[in-house]
Amino acid sequence: MNITLKSGELKSWWLIIMVCMANLVYGQSSVAKFDRVAYYEVIGGTDLEAMESQIALLDKSSLKNKDAFTGALMMKRAGLLHGASQKLKAFKAGRVKLDAAITRESDNAELRFLRLMIQENAPGILGYNDDLEKDKDFIIAHFNSIPESTRQVIRDYSRQSKTLSQSDF
């Protein structure tokens, strides 16, 4: 069987092939949408599987500060792992991500809140609590620059916080 295509038919087939290829390529690279409410629910809990899923979602996200959110979640997750060396390794890896993000964007109050939460709840032996008062003061001073969904999380968190109080907001 001999198939001959005219020039116009060839162009049509070429166009169809290109559209299909574009759908394959761009369809697979869809960017995950970051949901702050879901993130704070996960970081406030103890579900290791949910934390792993949230980290995977952040990895695919185009969120500007995803390293800070990932780092904080890695640090929280470390407390749920087994074995001291595994916990310490995970905590340190998360700390590097979170602290580097705060260094890059030191004027971001939400990132300071992430660090404050971790500092308050990290075991004292880790020595990760040097910035509590500085972060508290920064969060209070820049509270209105934080997304509303996170401001509500901060208000809720202040009910049980040792550093923040409801009267701060």
Protein backbone atom coordinates (compact mmCIF):
# COMPACT_ATOMS: atom_id res chain seq x y z
CA MET A 1 0.00 0.00 0.00
CA ASN A 2 1.45 3.30 -1.04
CA ILE A 3 0.22 6.42 0.75
CA THR A 4 0.94 9.79 -0.72
CA LEU A 5 0.11 12.98 1.06
CA LYS A 6 -0.32 16.29 -0.57
CA SER A 7 1.48 19.28 0.86
CA GLY A 8 -1.66 20.61 2.61
CA GLU A 9 -2.43 17.21 4.15
CA LEU A 10 1.16 16.90 5.40
CA LYS A 11 0.92 20.29 7.07
CA SER A 12 -2.36 19.29 8.72
CA TRP A 13 -0.89 16.06 10.08
CA TRP A 14 2.20 17.92 11.27
CA LEU A 15 -0.01 20.42 13.12
CA ILE A 16 -2.03 17.65 14.76
CA ILE A 17 1.15 15.91 15.90
CA MET A 18 2.57 19.14 17.34
CA VAL A 19 -0.65 19.89 19.26
CA CYS A 20 -0.68 16.37 20.70
CA MET A 21 2.98 16.65 21.73
CA ALA A 22 2.36 20.03 23.39
CA ASN A 23 -0.55 18.57 25.35
CA LEU A 24 1.63 15.71 26.54
CA VAL A 25 4.50 17.94 27.60
CA TYR A 26 2.53 20.76 29.19
CA GLY A 27 -0.19 18.55 30.58
CA GLN A 28 2.36 16.65 32.68
CA SER A 29 4.07 19.74 34.03
CA SER A 30 1.04 21.27 35.66
CA VAL A 31 2.09 23.30 38.67
CA ALA A 32 0.57 22.39 42.01
CA LYS A 33 -1.34 25.13 43.80
CA PHE A 34 -0.23 25.86 47.37
CA ASP A 35 -3.04 25.92 49.92
CA ARG A 36 -2.00 27.74 53.12
CA VAL A 37 -4.96 26.48 55.14
CA ALA A 38 -4.17 22.85 54.28
CA TYR A 39 -0.46 23.43 54.94
CA TYR A 40 -1.04 24.81 58.44
CA GLU A 41 -3.44 21.97 59.23
CA VAL A 42 -0.76 19.46 58.28
CA ILE A 43 2.09 21.19 60.14
CA GLY A 44 -0.12 21.45 63.22
CA GLY A 45 -0.82 17.73 63.21
CA THR A 46 1.03 14.47 63.63
CA ASP A 47 0.14 12.65 60.41
CA LEU A 48 3.48 11.66 58.89
CA GLU A 49 1.89 10.60 55.60
CA ALA A 50 0.12 13.96 55.24
CA MET A 51 3.44 15.71 55.86
CA GLU A 52 5.13 13.64 53.16
CA SER A 53 2.31 14.50 50.75
CA GLN A 54 2.56 18.20 51.58
CA ILE A 55 6.34 18.14 51.01
CA ALA A 56 5.80 16.43 47.63
CA LEU A 57 3.19 19.06 46.74
CA LEU A 58 5.58 21.86 47.70
CA ASP A 59 8.32 20.32 45.55
CA LYS A 60 6.02 20.66 42.51
CA SER A 61 4.82 24.12 43.51
CA SER A 62 5.93 27.38 41.99
CA LEU A 63 5.55 29.11 45.37
CA LYS A 64 8.27 31.71 45.84
CA ASN A 65 9.18 30.64 49.39
CA LYS A 66 8.56 26.93 49.08
CA ASP A 67 11.94 26.17 50.69
CA ALA A 68 10.82 27.87 53.91
CA PHE A 69 7.54 25.96 54.00
CA THR A 70 9.29 22.69 53.13
CA GLY A 71 12.02 23.30 55.69
CA ALA A 72 9.56 23.99 58.51
CA LEU A 73 7.59 20.88 57.62
CA MET A 74 10.77 18.79 57.51
CA MET A 75 11.67 20.02 60.98
CA LYS A 76 8.23 19.21 62.36
CA ARG A 77 8.31 15.81 60.62
CA ALA A 78 11.67 15.05 62.25
CA GLY A 79 9.96 14.67 65.61
CA LEU A 80 7.81 11.86 64.23
CA LEU A 81 10.68 9.82 62.79
CA HIS A 82 12.33 6.88 64.54
CA GLY A 83 15.90 6.96 65.75
CA ALA A 84 17.81 9.93 67.10
CA SER A 85 20.22 10.17 64.18
CA GLN A 86 17.41 10.12 61.63
CA LYS A 87 15.51 12.79 63.57
CA LEU A 88 18.57 15.02 63.87
CA LYS A 89 19.49 14.67 60.20
CA ALA A 90 15.95 15.57 59.08
CA PHE A 91 15.75 18.50 61.50
CA LYS A 92 19.08 19.93 60.35
CA ALA A 93 18.14 19.62 56.66
CA GLY A 94 14.89 21.46 57.31
CA ARG A 95 16.66 24.11 59.37
CA VAL A 96 19.06 24.85 56.51
CA LYS A 97 16.13 25.39 54.13
CA LEU A 98 14.09 27.54 56.51
CA ASP A 99 16.97 29.69 57.73
CA ALA A 100 18.29 30.25 54.21
CA ALA A 101 14.84 31.39 53.07
CA ILE A 102 14.59 33.80 56.00
CA THR A 103 18.05 35.15 55.22
CA ARG A 104 17.02 35.75 51.59
CA GLU A 105 13.75 37.37 52.60
CA SER A 106 14.25 38.72 56.12
CA ASP A 107 11.27 41.07 55.81
CA ASN A 108 8.73 38.24 55.40
CA ALA A 109 6.70 37.95 58.61
CA GLU A 110 5.07 34.66 57.60
CA LEU A 111 8.46 32.98 57.35
CA ARG A 112 9.29 34.33 60.81
CA PHE A 113 6.06 32.77 62.07
CA LEU A 114 7.08 29.41 60.66
CA ARG A 115 10.39 29.67 62.51
CA LEU A 116 8.70 30.80 65.72
CA MET A 117 6.38 27.76 65.67
CA ILE A 118 9.31 25.41 65.19
CA GLN A 119 11.45 27.14 67.83
CA GLU A 120 8.68 26.93 70.42
CA ASN A 121 8.11 23.24 69.85
CA ALA A 122 11.64 21.97 69.15
CA PRO A 123 13.36 20.11 71.97
CA GLY A 124 15.63 22.42 73.95
CA ILE A 125 18.63 20.17 73.36
CA LEU A 126 18.62 21.24 69.70
CA GLY A 127 19.35 24.84 70.69
CA TYR A 128 16.96 26.19 68.10
CA ASN A 129 15.34 28.98 70.06
CA ASP A 130 17.62 32.01 69.78
CA ASP A 131 15.25 34.08 67.64
CA LEU A 132 11.98 33.66 69.54
CA GLU A 133 11.65 37.20 70.87
CA LYS A 134 13.00 38.80 67.70
CA ASP A 135 10.55 36.80 65.57
CA LYS A 136 7.66 37.59 67.94
CA ASP A 137 8.34 41.32 67.72
CA PHE A 138 8.67 41.15 63.94
CA ILE A 139 5.42 39.21 63.52
CA ILE A 140 3.51 41.67 65.69
CA ALA A 141 4.99 44.70 63.90
CA HIS A 142 4.27 43.29 60.42
CA PHE A 143 1.09 41.34 61.15
CA ASN A 144 -0.95 43.16 58.49
CA SER A 145 1.52 42.19 55.75
CA ILE A 146 0.74 38.50 56.29
CA PRO A 147 -1.98 36.82 54.16
CA GLU A 148 -5.34 36.80 55.97
CA SER A 149 -5.54 33.00 56.08
CA THR A 150 -2.20 32.94 57.90
CA ARG A 151 -3.21 35.79 60.23
CA GLN A 152 -6.09 33.60 61.40
CA VAL A 153 -3.69 30.70 61.93
CA ILE A 154 -1.47 33.01 64.02
CA ARG A 155 -4.44 34.15 66.12
CA ASP A 156 -5.43 30.53 66.70
CA TYR A 157 -1.84 29.52 67.46
CA SER A 158 -1.46 32.36 69.98
CA ARG A 159 -4.08 30.65 72.19
CA GLN A 160 -1.58 27.91 73.06
CA SER A 161 1.71 29.69 72.36
CA LYS A 162 4.25 30.38 75.09
CA THR A 163 5.60 33.38 73.15
CA LEU A 164 2.65 34.96 71.35
CA SER A 165 -0.54 35.94 73.13
CA GLN A 166 -3.97 36.79 71.81
CA SER A 167 -3.61 40.34 73.10
CA ASP A 168 -0.70 40.83 70.67
CA PHE A 169 -3.20 40.94 67.81
